[in-house]
Amino acid sequence: MMRHFPRFALFATLLTVCSATSVQSHARRATVIRPENIGEAIARVHLIANPDQRFAALEQIETALERDSSHIDDSDVHALAALMSDDSDMVRFAAATAIGLIGPRAAAAAPALQAALPRIECEWGGHNSRAAIIYAFRRIGVTPVERDCPPVDFRAPRH
């Protein structure tokens, strides 16, 4: 029994050090965006080539918008609306959420939201941008035009 204790202690120490290092490196990557810099951050998203990195940048913008969206102007709304045509559904999800966080002042984004809706509208399940687009419409006070989707059969397929 005594033989195993040093190994366990070494393992626990390594786990603690690795976890602390991981948290520190993640904290360095996560940037806190000040409210007055949200517009600049939105503009920078358009320069990022990797969709995962665009999504991560938009998540940081969402966090900033949750705290304060008062510095957002029309050009920022248009820049977010432009992201609704992104090929990545994750990016469209995050952009729609950000638009929703701005609220009624983002009503100018309604046409872009409406244009993005058919790309995902009849897909149910999983994590997709449809829910975020509907959320954004509700928050900005605009009713989307939804098409009739075929009913979803949730029963198990019969063989």
C-alpha atoms as a PDB file:
ATOM      1  CA  MET A   1       0.000   0.000   0.000  1.00  0.00           C
ATOM      2  CA  MET A   2       2.801   2.408   0.834  1.00  0.00           C
ATOM      3  CA  ARG A   3       4.445   1.772  -2.552  1.00  0.00           C
ATOM      4  CA  HIS A   4       1.518   3.208  -4.466  1.00  0.00           C
ATOM      5  CA  PHE A   5       1.263   6.434  -2.526  1.00  0.00           C
ATOM      6  CA  PRO A   6       4.210   8.188  -4.233  1.00  0.00           C
ATOM      7  CA  ARG A   7       2.803   7.350  -7.664  1.00  0.00           C
ATOM      8  CA  PHE A   8      -0.592   8.687  -6.663  1.00  0.00           C
ATOM      9  CA  ALA A   9       0.989  11.844  -5.237  1.00  0.00           C
ATOM     10  CA  LEU A  10       2.994  12.335  -8.430  1.00  0.00           C
ATOM     11  CA  PHE A  11      -0.117  11.796 -10.562  1.00  0.00           C
ATOM     12  CA  ALA A  12      -2.136  14.265  -8.461  1.00  0.00           C
ATOM     13  CA  THR A  13       0.645  16.859  -8.680  1.00  0.00           C
ATOM     14  CA  LEU A  14       0.941  16.470 -12.464  1.00  0.00           C
ATOM     15  CA  LEU A  15      -2.816  16.702 -12.854  1.00  0.00           C
ATOM     16  CA  THR A  16      -2.903  19.910 -10.803  1.00  0.00           C
ATOM     17  CA  VAL A  17      -0.022  21.500 -12.719  1.00  0.00           C
ATOM     18  CA  CYS A  18      -1.435  20.511 -16.128  1.00  0.00           C
ATOM     19  CA  SER A  19      -4.900  21.760 -15.214  1.00  0.00           C
ATOM     20  CA  ALA A  20      -3.547  25.084 -13.979  1.00  0.00           C
ATOM     21  CA  THR A  21      -1.479  25.492 -17.141  1.00  0.00           C
ATOM     22  CA  SER A  22      -4.476  24.678 -19.312  1.00  0.00           C
ATOM     23  CA  VAL A  23      -6.668  27.206 -17.498  1.00  0.00           C
ATOM     24  CA  GLN A  24      -3.980  29.876 -17.752  1.00  0.00           C
ATOM     25  CA  SER A  25      -3.446  29.338 -21.479  1.00  0.00           C
ATOM     26  CA  HIS A  26      -7.221  29.385 -22.096  1.00  0.00           C
ATOM     27  CA  ALA A  27      -7.527  32.598 -20.078  1.00  0.00           C
ATOM     28  CA  ARG A  28      -4.836  34.209 -22.238  1.00  0.00           C
ATOM     29  CA  ARG A  29      -6.763  33.320 -25.399  1.00  0.00           C
ATOM     30  CA  ALA A  30     -10.123  34.566 -24.082  1.00  0.00           C
ATOM     31  CA  THR A  31     -10.131  38.314 -24.526  1.00  0.00           C
ATOM     32  CA  VAL A  32     -12.484  40.550 -22.611  1.00  0.00           C
ATOM     33  CA  ILE A  33     -14.037  43.010 -25.030  1.00  0.00           C
ATOM     34  CA  ARG A  34     -14.831  46.417 -23.600  1.00  0.00           C
ATOM     35  CA  PRO A  35     -18.266  47.799 -24.594  1.00  0.00           C
ATOM     36  CA  GLU A  36     -16.781  50.663 -26.588  1.00  0.00           C
ATOM     37  CA  ASN A  37     -14.691  48.169 -28.622  1.00  0.00           C
ATOM     38  CA  ILE A  38     -17.491  45.790 -29.636  1.00  0.00           C
ATOM     39  CA  GLY A  39     -17.821  47.417 -33.066  1.00  0.00           C
ATOM     40  CA  GLU A  40     -14.131  46.904 -33.789  1.00  0.00           C
ATOM     41  CA  ALA A  41     -14.385  43.278 -32.656  1.00  0.00           C
ATOM     42  CA  ILE A  42     -17.339  42.694 -34.995  1.00  0.00           C
ATOM     43  CA  ALA A  43     -15.379  44.169 -37.909  1.00  0.00           C
ATOM     44  CA  ARG A  44     -12.406  41.887 -37.116  1.00  0.00           C
ATOM     45  CA  VAL A  45     -14.605  38.769 -37.300  1.00  0.00           C
ATOM     46  CA  HIS A  46     -14.953  39.315 -41.048  1.00  0.00           C
ATOM     47  CA  LEU A  47     -11.160  39.041 -41.411  1.00  0.00           C
ATOM     48  CA  ILE A  48     -10.920  35.606 -39.759  1.00  0.00           C
ATOM     49  CA  ALA A  49     -10.661  32.757 -42.270  1.00  0.00           C
ATOM     50  CA  ASN A  50     -11.325  29.812 -39.946  1.00  0.00           C
ATOM     51  CA  PRO A  51     -15.055  29.328 -39.105  1.00  0.00           C
ATOM     52  CA  ASP A  52     -14.266  27.885 -35.661  1.00  0.00           C
ATOM     53  CA  GLN A  53     -12.255  30.998 -34.837  1.00  0.00           C
ATOM     54  CA  ARG A  54     -15.041  33.254 -36.201  1.00  0.00           C
ATOM     55  CA  PHE A  55     -17.480  31.419 -33.938  1.00  0.00           C
ATOM     56  CA  ALA A  56     -15.172  31.806 -30.913  1.00  0.00           C
ATOM     57  CA  ALA A  57     -14.759  35.531 -31.628  1.00  0.00           C
ATOM     58  CA  LEU A  58     -18.529  35.944 -31.889  1.00  0.00           C
ATOM     59  CA  GLU A  59     -18.975  34.169 -28.553  1.00  0.00           C
ATOM     60  CA  GLN A  60     -16.719  36.794 -26.962  1.00  0.00           C
ATOM     61  CA  ILE A  61     -18.806  39.511 -28.633  1.00  0.00           C
ATOM     62  CA  GLU A  62     -21.969  37.902 -27.240  1.00  0.00           C
ATOM     63  CA  THR A  63     -20.482  38.022 -23.748  1.00  0.00           C
ATOM     64  CA  ALA A  64     -19.710  41.722 -24.188  1.00  0.00           C
ATOM     65  CA  LEU A  65     -23.207  42.421 -25.558  1.00  0.00           C
ATOM     66  CA  GLU A  66     -24.779  40.684 -22.565  1.00  0.00           C
ATOM     67  CA  ARG A  67     -23.022  43.233 -20.360  1.00  0.00           C
ATOM     68  CA  ASP A  68     -23.651  46.348 -22.473  1.00  0.00           C
ATOM     69  CA  SER A  69     -24.915  46.850 -26.017  1.00  0.00           C
ATOM     70  CA  SER A  70     -25.318  50.627 -25.810  1.00  0.00           C
ATOM     71  CA  HIS A  71     -22.249  51.348 -27.980  1.00  0.00           C
ATOM     72  CA  ILE A  72     -23.597  49.413 -30.977  1.00  0.00           C
ATOM     73  CA  ASP A  73     -24.424  51.524 -34.031  1.00  0.00           C
ATOM     74  CA  ASP A  74     -26.057  50.795 -37.397  1.00  0.00           C
ATOM     75  CA  SER A  75     -22.778  49.806 -39.053  1.00  0.00           C
ATOM     76  CA  ASP A  76     -22.212  47.183 -36.332  1.00  0.00           C
ATOM     77  CA  VAL A  77     -25.709  45.779 -36.895  1.00  0.00           C
ATOM     78  CA  HIS A  78     -25.044  45.607 -40.639  1.00  0.00           C
ATOM     79  CA  ALA A  79     -21.708  43.864 -40.030  1.00  0.00           C
ATOM     80  CA  LEU A  80     -23.434  41.239 -37.862  1.00  0.00           C
ATOM     81  CA  ALA A  81     -26.229  40.894 -40.418  1.00  0.00           C
ATOM     82  CA  ALA A  82     -23.639  40.218 -43.129  1.00  0.00           C
ATOM     83  CA  LEU A  83     -22.462  37.215 -41.109  1.00  0.00           C
ATOM     84  CA  MET A  84     -25.900  35.630 -41.581  1.00  0.00           C
ATOM     85  CA  SER A  85     -24.761  34.617 -45.072  1.00  0.00           C
ATOM     86  CA  ASP A  86     -21.695  32.793 -43.719  1.00  0.00           C
ATOM     87  CA  ASP A  87     -21.263  29.195 -44.901  1.00  0.00           C
ATOM     88  CA  SER A  88     -20.811  28.015 -41.303  1.00  0.00           C
ATOM     89  CA  ASP A  89     -24.038  27.403 -39.413  1.00  0.00           C
ATOM     90  CA  MET A  90     -22.127  27.900 -36.141  1.00  0.00           C
ATOM     91  CA  VAL A  91     -21.189  31.407 -37.257  1.00  0.00           C
ATOM     92  CA  ARG A  92     -24.784  32.140 -38.297  1.00  0.00           C
ATOM     93  CA  PHE A  93     -25.942  30.828 -34.898  1.00  0.00           C
ATOM     94  CA  ALA A  94     -23.582  33.132 -33.000  1.00  0.00           C
ATOM     95  CA  ALA A  95     -24.319  36.142 -35.236  1.00  0.00           C
ATOM     96  CA  ALA A  96     -28.083  35.677 -34.785  1.00  0.00           C
ATOM     97  CA  THR A  97     -27.633  35.408 -31.026  1.00  0.00           C
ATOM     98  CA  ALA A  98     -25.586  38.619 -31.005  1.00  0.00           C
ATOM     99  CA  ILE A  99     -28.258  40.387 -33.074  1.00  0.00           C
ATOM    100  CA  GLY A 100     -30.888  39.226 -30.596  1.00  0.00           C
ATOM    101  CA  LEU A 101     -28.849  40.561 -27.678  1.00  0.00           C
ATOM    102  CA  ILE A 102     -28.894  44.026 -29.248  1.00  0.00           C
ATOM    103  CA  GLY A 103     -32.689  43.973 -29.306  1.00  0.00           C
ATOM    104  CA  PRO A 104     -35.023  46.319 -31.232  1.00  0.00           C
ATOM    105  CA  ARG A 105     -32.143  48.557 -32.335  1.00  0.00           C
ATOM    106  CA  ALA A 106     -31.053  45.653 -34.554  1.00  0.00           C
ATOM    107  CA  ALA A 107     -34.307  45.538 -36.543  1.00  0.00           C
ATOM    108  CA  ALA A 108     -32.333  46.453 -39.679  1.00  0.00           C
ATOM    109  CA  ALA A 109     -30.907  42.915 -39.552  1.00  0.00           C
ATOM    110  CA  ALA A 110     -34.354  41.370 -40.176  1.00  0.00           C
ATOM    111  CA  PRO A 111     -33.854  40.881 -43.953  1.00  0.00           C
ATOM    112  CA  ALA A 112     -30.558  39.053 -43.369  1.00  0.00           C
ATOM    113  CA  LEU A 113     -32.151  36.885 -40.688  1.00  0.00           C
ATOM    114  CA  GLN A 114     -35.048  36.118 -43.023  1.00  0.00           C
ATOM    115  CA  ALA A 115     -32.671  35.228 -45.857  1.00  0.00           C
ATOM    116  CA  ALA A 116     -30.740  32.848 -43.576  1.00  0.00           C
ATOM    117  CA  LEU A 117     -33.817  31.087 -42.205  1.00  0.00           C
ATOM    118  CA  PRO A 118     -34.585  28.867 -45.250  1.00  0.00           C
ATOM    119  CA  ARG A 119     -31.072  27.392 -45.113  1.00  0.00           C
ATOM    120  CA  ILE A 120     -31.939  25.647 -41.841  1.00  0.00           C
ATOM    121  CA  GLU A 121     -35.668  26.169 -41.359  1.00  0.00           C
ATOM    122  CA  CYS A 122     -36.937  22.625 -41.770  1.00  0.00           C
ATOM    123  CA  GLU A 123     -34.048  20.937 -39.993  1.00  0.00           C
ATOM    124  CA  TRP A 124     -34.898  19.864 -36.472  1.00  0.00           C
ATOM    125  CA  GLY A 125     -32.721  18.411 -33.788  1.00  0.00           C
ATOM    126  CA  GLY A 126     -29.104  18.987 -33.082  1.00  0.00           C
ATOM    127  CA  HIS A 127     -27.582  22.378 -32.562  1.00  0.00           C
ATOM    128  CA  ASN A 128     -28.352  24.698 -35.461  1.00  0.00           C
ATOM    129  CA  SER A 129     -28.976  28.361 -36.163  1.00  0.00           C
ATOM    130  CA  ARG A 130     -32.767  28.098 -36.509  1.00  0.00           C
ATOM    131  CA  ALA A 131     -33.436  28.608 -32.795  1.00  0.00           C
ATOM    132  CA  ALA A 132     -31.034  31.561 -32.634  1.00  0.00           C
ATOM    133  CA  ILE A 133     -32.627  33.169 -35.695  1.00  0.00           C
ATOM    134  CA  ILE A 134     -36.119  32.839 -34.185  1.00  0.00           C
ATOM    135  CA  TYR A 135     -34.739  34.212 -30.885  1.00  0.00           C
ATOM    136  CA  ALA A 136     -33.264  37.203 -32.729  1.00  0.00           C
ATOM    137  CA  PHE A 137     -36.558  37.886 -34.502  1.00  0.00           C
ATOM    138  CA  ARG A 138     -38.404  37.885 -31.169  1.00  0.00           C
ATOM    139  CA  ARG A 139     -35.845  40.141 -29.501  1.00  0.00           C
ATOM    140  CA  ILE A 140     -35.849  42.712 -32.314  1.00  0.00           C
ATOM    141  CA  GLY A 141     -39.651  42.683 -32.479  1.00  0.00           C
ATOM    142  CA  VAL A 142     -40.072  41.375 -36.040  1.00  0.00           C
ATOM    143  CA  THR A 143     -42.195  38.395 -37.067  1.00  0.00           C
ATOM    144  CA  PRO A 144     -40.399  36.015 -39.424  1.00  0.00           C
ATOM    145  CA  VAL A 145     -42.064  34.507 -42.452  1.00  0.00           C
ATOM    146  CA  GLU A 146     -41.732  30.788 -41.850  1.00  0.00           C
ATOM    147  CA  ARG A 147     -42.530  28.188 -44.423  1.00  0.00           C
ATOM    148  CA  ASP A 148     -44.500  25.042 -43.801  1.00  0.00           C
ATOM    149  CA  CYS A 149     -42.170  22.206 -43.039  1.00  0.00           C
ATOM    150  CA  PRO A 150     -43.137  18.552 -43.362  1.00  0.00           C
ATOM    151  CA  PRO A 151     -44.125  16.974 -40.058  1.00  0.00           C
ATOM    152  CA  VAL A 152     -41.355  15.244 -38.196  1.00  0.00           C
ATOM    153  CA  ASP A 153     -41.912  11.553 -37.478  1.00  0.00           C
ATOM    154  CA  PHE A 154     -40.097  10.790 -34.235  1.00  0.00           C
ATOM    155  CA  ARG A 155     -41.043   7.089 -34.228  1.00  0.00           C
ATOM    156  CA  ALA A 156     -38.330   4.538 -34.751  1.00  0.00           C
ATOM    157  CA  PRO A 157     -38.112   3.326 -38.349  1.00  0.00           C
ATOM    158  CA  ARG A 158     -39.725  -0.060 -38.940  1.00  0.00           C
ATOM    159  CA  HIS A 159     -37.820  -2.743 -40.784  1.00  0.00           C
END
